[in-house]
PDB file of N, CA and C in Angstrom:
ATOM      1  N   MET A   1     -32.646-189.500  28.684  1.00  0.00           N
ATOM      2  CA  MET A   1     -34.097-189.783  28.951  1.00  0.00           C
ATOM      3  C   MET A   1     -34.308-190.371  30.157  1.00  0.00           C
ATOM      4  N   GLY A   2     -33.767-190.707  30.876  1.00  0.00           N
ATOM      5  CA  GLY A   2     -34.318-191.433  32.267  1.00  0.00           C
ATOM      6  C   GLY A   2     -34.252-190.466  33.250  1.00  0.00           C
ATOM      7  N   ALA A   3     -34.405-188.940  32.960  1.00  0.00           N
ATOM      8  CA  ALA A   3     -34.530-187.461  33.470  1.00  0.00           C
ATOM      9  C   ALA A   3     -35.920-187.622  33.017  1.00  0.00           C
ATOM     10  N   GLN A   4     -36.006-187.952  31.729  1.00  0.00           N
ATOM     11  CA  GLN A   4     -37.328-187.086  31.213  1.00  0.00           C
ATOM     12  C   GLN A   4     -38.593-187.981  31.128  1.00  0.00           C
ATOM     13  N   GLN A   5     -38.475-189.486  32.022  1.00  0.00           N
ATOM     14  CA  GLN A   5     -39.002-190.655  32.491  1.00  0.00           C
ATOM     15  C   GLN A   5     -39.188-190.306  33.683  1.00  0.00           C
ATOM     16  N   ALA A   6     -37.903-189.964  34.579  1.00  0.00           N
ATOM     17  CA  ALA A   6     -38.443-189.777  35.938  1.00  0.00           C
ATOM     18  C   ALA A   6     -38.928-188.472  36.658  1.00  0.00           C
ATOM     19  N   VAL A   7     -39.188-187.562  35.403  1.00  0.00           N
ATOM     20  CA  VAL A   7     -40.378-186.459  35.857  1.00  0.00           C
ATOM     21  C   VAL A   7     -41.587-186.487  35.486  1.00  0.00           C
ATOM     22  N   LYS A   8     -41.727-187.480  34.576  1.00  0.00           N
ATOM     23  CA  LYS A   8     -43.391-188.161  34.167  1.00  0.00           C
ATOM     24  C   LYS A   8     -43.489-188.716  34.747  1.00  0.00           C
ATOM     25  N   PHE A   9     -42.858-190.404  36.030  1.00  0.00           N
ATOM     26  CA  PHE A   9     -43.740-190.275  36.674  1.00  0.00           C
ATOM     27  C   PHE A   9     -43.651-189.727  38.081  1.00  0.00           C
ATOM     28  N   THR A  10     -42.831-188.266  38.628  1.00  0.00           N
ATOM     29  CA  THR A  10     -43.093-187.586  39.303  1.00  0.00           C
ATOM     30  C   THR A  10     -44.677-186.792  39.280  1.00  0.00           C
ATOM     31  N   ASN A  11     -44.835-187.120  38.139  1.00  0.00           N
ATOM     32  CA  ASN A  11     -45.993-185.687  37.772  1.00  0.00           C
ATOM     33  C   ASN A  11     -47.366-186.721  38.057  1.00  0.00           C
ATOM     34  N   ILE A  12     -46.935-188.117  37.584  1.00  0.00           N
ATOM     35  CA  ILE A  12     -48.199-188.795  38.094  1.00  0.00           C
ATOM     36  C   ILE A  12     -48.711-188.934  39.348  1.00  0.00           C
ATOM     37  N   LEU A  13     -47.377-188.740  40.693  1.00  0.00           N
ATOM     38  CA  LEU A  13     -47.548-189.271  42.026  1.00  0.00           C
ATOM     39  C   LEU A  13     -47.800-187.824  42.302  1.00  0.00           C
ATOM     40  N   PHE A  14     -47.595-186.870  41.972  1.00  0.00           N
ATOM     41  CA  PHE A  14     -47.030-185.649  42.656  1.00  0.00           C
ATOM     42  C   PHE A  14     -47.626-184.589  41.259  1.00  0.00           C
ATOM     43  N   PRO A  15     -48.878-184.751  40.943  1.00  0.00           N
ATOM     44  CA  PRO A  15     -49.609-183.360  39.962  1.00  0.00           C
ATOM     45  C   PRO A  15     -48.473-181.778  40.780  1.00  0.00           C
ATOM     46  N   GLY A  16     -48.272-180.958  39.834  1.00  0.00           N
ATOM     47  CA  GLY A  16     -47.670-179.360  40.138  1.00  0.00           C
ATOM     48  C   GLY A  16     -46.742-179.668  40.875  1.00  0.00           C
ATOM     49  N   ALA A  17     -46.472-181.007  41.120  1.00  0.00           N
ATOM     50  CA  ALA A  17     -44.508-181.137  41.603  1.00  0.00           C
ATOM     51  C   ALA A  17     -43.693-180.741  40.337  1.00  0.00           C
ATOM     52  N   VAL A  18     -43.977-180.904  39.494  1.00  0.00           N
ATOM     53  CA  VAL A  18     -43.052-181.154  37.862  1.00  0.00           C
ATOM     54  C   VAL A  18     -42.486-179.418  37.845  1.00  0.00           C
ATOM     55  N   SER A  19     -43.840-178.209  38.148  1.00  0.00           N
ATOM     56  CA  SER A  19     -43.505-177.036  37.596  1.00  0.00           C
ATOM     57  C   SER A  19     -42.490-176.674  39.075  1.00  0.00           C
ATOM     58  N   GLY A  20     -42.659-177.329  40.295  1.00  0.00           N
ATOM     59  CA  GLY A  20     -41.775-176.436  40.990  1.00  0.00           C
ATOM     60  C   GLY A  20     -40.616-176.882  41.290  1.00  0.00           C
ATOM     61  N   ILE A  21     -40.048-178.343  40.990  1.00  0.00           N
ATOM     62  CA  ILE A  21     -38.912-178.557  39.983  1.00  0.00           C
ATOM     63  C   ILE A  21     -38.463-178.150  38.817  1.00  0.00           C
ATOM     64  N   SER A  22     -39.107-177.500  38.057  1.00  0.00           N
ATOM     65  CA  SER A  22     -39.101-176.696  36.700  1.00  0.00           C
ATOM     66  C   SER A  22     -38.673-175.095  36.979  1.00  0.00           C
ATOM     67  N   ALA A  23     -39.183-174.752  37.912  1.00  0.00           N
ATOM     68  CA  ALA A  23     -38.876-173.356  38.281  1.00  0.00           C
ATOM     69  C   ALA A  23     -37.284-173.568  39.746  1.00  0.00           C
ATOM     70  N   ALA A  24     -37.340-174.013  40.509  1.00  0.00           N
ATOM     71  CA  ALA A  24     -36.123-174.275  40.926  1.00  0.00           C
ATOM     72  C   ALA A  24     -34.612-174.726  39.803  1.00  0.00           C
ATOM     73  N   ILE A  25     -35.184-175.408  39.193  1.00  0.00           N
ATOM     74  CA  ILE A  25     -34.013-175.723  37.921  1.00  0.00           C
ATOM     75  C   ILE A  25     -33.960-174.115  37.545  1.00  0.00           C
ATOM     76  N   ALA A  26     -35.106-173.244  36.863  1.00  0.00           N
ATOM     77  CA  ALA A  26     -34.789-171.921  36.263  1.00  0.00           C
ATOM     78  C   ALA A  26     -33.838-171.103  37.435  1.00  0.00           C
ATOM     79  N   THR A  27     -34.544-171.297  38.538  1.00  0.00           N
ATOM     80  CA  THR A  27     -33.882-170.021  39.611  1.00  0.00           C
ATOM     81  C   THR A  27     -32.520-170.368  40.066  1.00  0.00           C
ATOM     82  N   ALA A  28     -32.351-171.308  40.010  1.00  0.00           N
ATOM     83  CA  ALA A  28     -30.565-172.120  40.163  1.00  0.00           C
ATOM     84  C   ALA A  28     -29.853-171.153  39.319  1.00  0.00           C
ATOM     85  N   GLY A  29     -30.428-171.257  37.508  1.00  0.00           N
ATOM     86  CA  GLY A  29     -29.705-170.918  36.342  1.00  0.00           C
ATOM     87  C   GLY A  29     -29.600-169.940  36.063  1.00  0.00           C
ATOM     88  N   MET A  30     -30.100-168.905  36.367  1.00  0.00           N
ATOM     89  CA  MET A  30     -30.509-167.729  36.474  1.00  0.00           C
ATOM     90  C   MET A  30     -29.679-166.871  37.678  1.00  0.00           C
ATOM     91  N   GLU A  31     -29.496-167.550  38.695  1.00  0.00           N
ATOM     92  CA  GLU A  31     -28.462-166.821  39.939  1.00  0.00           C
ATOM     93  C   GLU A  31     -26.993-167.737  39.823  1.00  0.00           C
ATOM     94  N   MET A  32     -26.710-168.657  38.932  1.00  0.00           N
ATOM     95  CA  MET A  32     -25.276-168.765  38.003  1.00  0.00           C
ATOM     96  C   MET A  32     -25.069-167.726  37.382  1.00  0.00           C
ATOM     97  N   ILE A  33     -25.646-167.253  36.095  1.00  0.00           N
ATOM     98  CA  ILE A  33     -26.046-166.616  35.568  1.00  0.00           C
ATOM     99  C   ILE A  33     -25.535-165.245  36.294  1.00  0.00           C
ATOM    100  N   GLY A  34     -25.974-164.967  36.812  1.00  0.00           N
ATOM    101  CA  GLY A  34     -26.433-163.247  37.781  1.00  0.00           C
ATOM    102  C   GLY A  34     -24.592-163.154  38.003  1.00  0.00           C
ATOM    103  N   LYS A  35     -24.377-164.275  38.822  1.00  0.00           N
ATOM    104  CA  LYS A  35     -23.526-164.097  39.670  1.00  0.00           C
ATOM    105  C   LYS A  35     -22.187-163.926  38.955  1.00  0.00           C
ATOM    106  N   THR A  36     -22.143-164.753  37.484  1.00  0.00           N
ATOM    107  CA  THR A  36     -21.132-164.728  36.682  1.00  0.00           C
ATOM    108  C   THR A  36     -20.599-163.472  35.859  1.00  0.00           C
ATOM    109  N   ALA A  37     -22.197-163.167  36.012  1.00  0.00           N
ATOM    110  CA  ALA A  37     -22.456-161.142  35.361  1.00  0.00           C
ATOM    111  C   ALA A  37     -21.533-160.476  36.389  1.00  0.00           C
ATOM    112  N   THR A  38     -21.754-160.586  37.595  1.00  0.00           N
ATOM    113  CA  THR A  38     -21.516-159.715  38.648  1.00  0.00           C
ATOM    114  C   THR A  38     -19.688-160.163  38.781  1.00  0.00           C
ATOM    115  N   GLU A  39     -19.362-160.895  37.910  1.00  0.00           N
ATOM    116  CA  GLU A  39     -17.991-161.630  38.715  1.00  0.00           C
ATOM    117  C   GLU A  39     -16.998-160.897  37.534  1.00  0.00           C
ATOM    118  N   TYR A  40     -17.729-160.837  36.207  1.00  0.00           N
ATOM    119  CA  TYR A  40     -17.293-160.684  35.194  1.00  0.00           C
ATOM    120  C   TYR A  40     -16.743-158.973  34.871  1.00  0.00           C
ATOM    121  N   TYR A  41     -18.045-158.325  36.004  1.00  0.00           N
ATOM    122  CA  TYR A  41     -18.001-156.921  35.563  1.00  0.00           C
ATOM    123  C   TYR A  41     -17.140-156.779  36.836  1.00  0.00           C
ATOM    124  N   LEU A  42     -17.168-156.826  37.634  1.00  0.00           N
ATOM    125  CA  LEU A  42     -16.066-156.285  38.738  1.00  0.00           C
ATOM    126  C   LEU A  42     -14.565-156.857  38.251  1.00  0.00           C
ATOM    127  N   ALA A  43     -14.276-157.700  37.625  1.00  0.00           N
ATOM    128  CA  ALA A  43     -12.508-157.797  37.005  1.00  0.00           C
ATOM    129  C   ALA A  43     -12.180-157.316  35.715  1.00  0.00           C
ATOM    130  N   TYR A  44     -13.216-156.922  35.113  1.00  0.00           N
ATOM    131  CA  TYR A  44     -13.117-156.318  34.058  1.00  0.00           C
ATOM    132  C   TYR A  44     -13.651-154.876  34.081  1.00  0.00           C
ATOM    133  N   THR A  45     -14.082-153.621  35.199  1.00  0.00           N
ATOM    134  CA  THR A  45     -14.447-152.621  34.947  1.00  0.00           C
ATOM    135  C   THR A  45     -13.430-152.095  35.661  1.00  0.00           C
ATOM    136  N   LYS A  46     -12.255-152.654  36.767  1.00  0.00           N
ATOM    137  CA  LYS A  46     -11.248-151.819  37.218  1.00  0.00           C
ATOM    138  C   LYS A  46     -10.689-151.074  36.911  1.00  0.00           C
TER     139      LYS A  46
END
């Protein structure tokens, strides 16, 4: 709940900033999934 309130407050102060924050979180998640998939592939295809 605290994070949600912080995002709402940030959106009031800096309109559009929330989109950038969301994009950064999504990018980090996709990068982590990609690295994990690569490690799995390399470990189990030998």
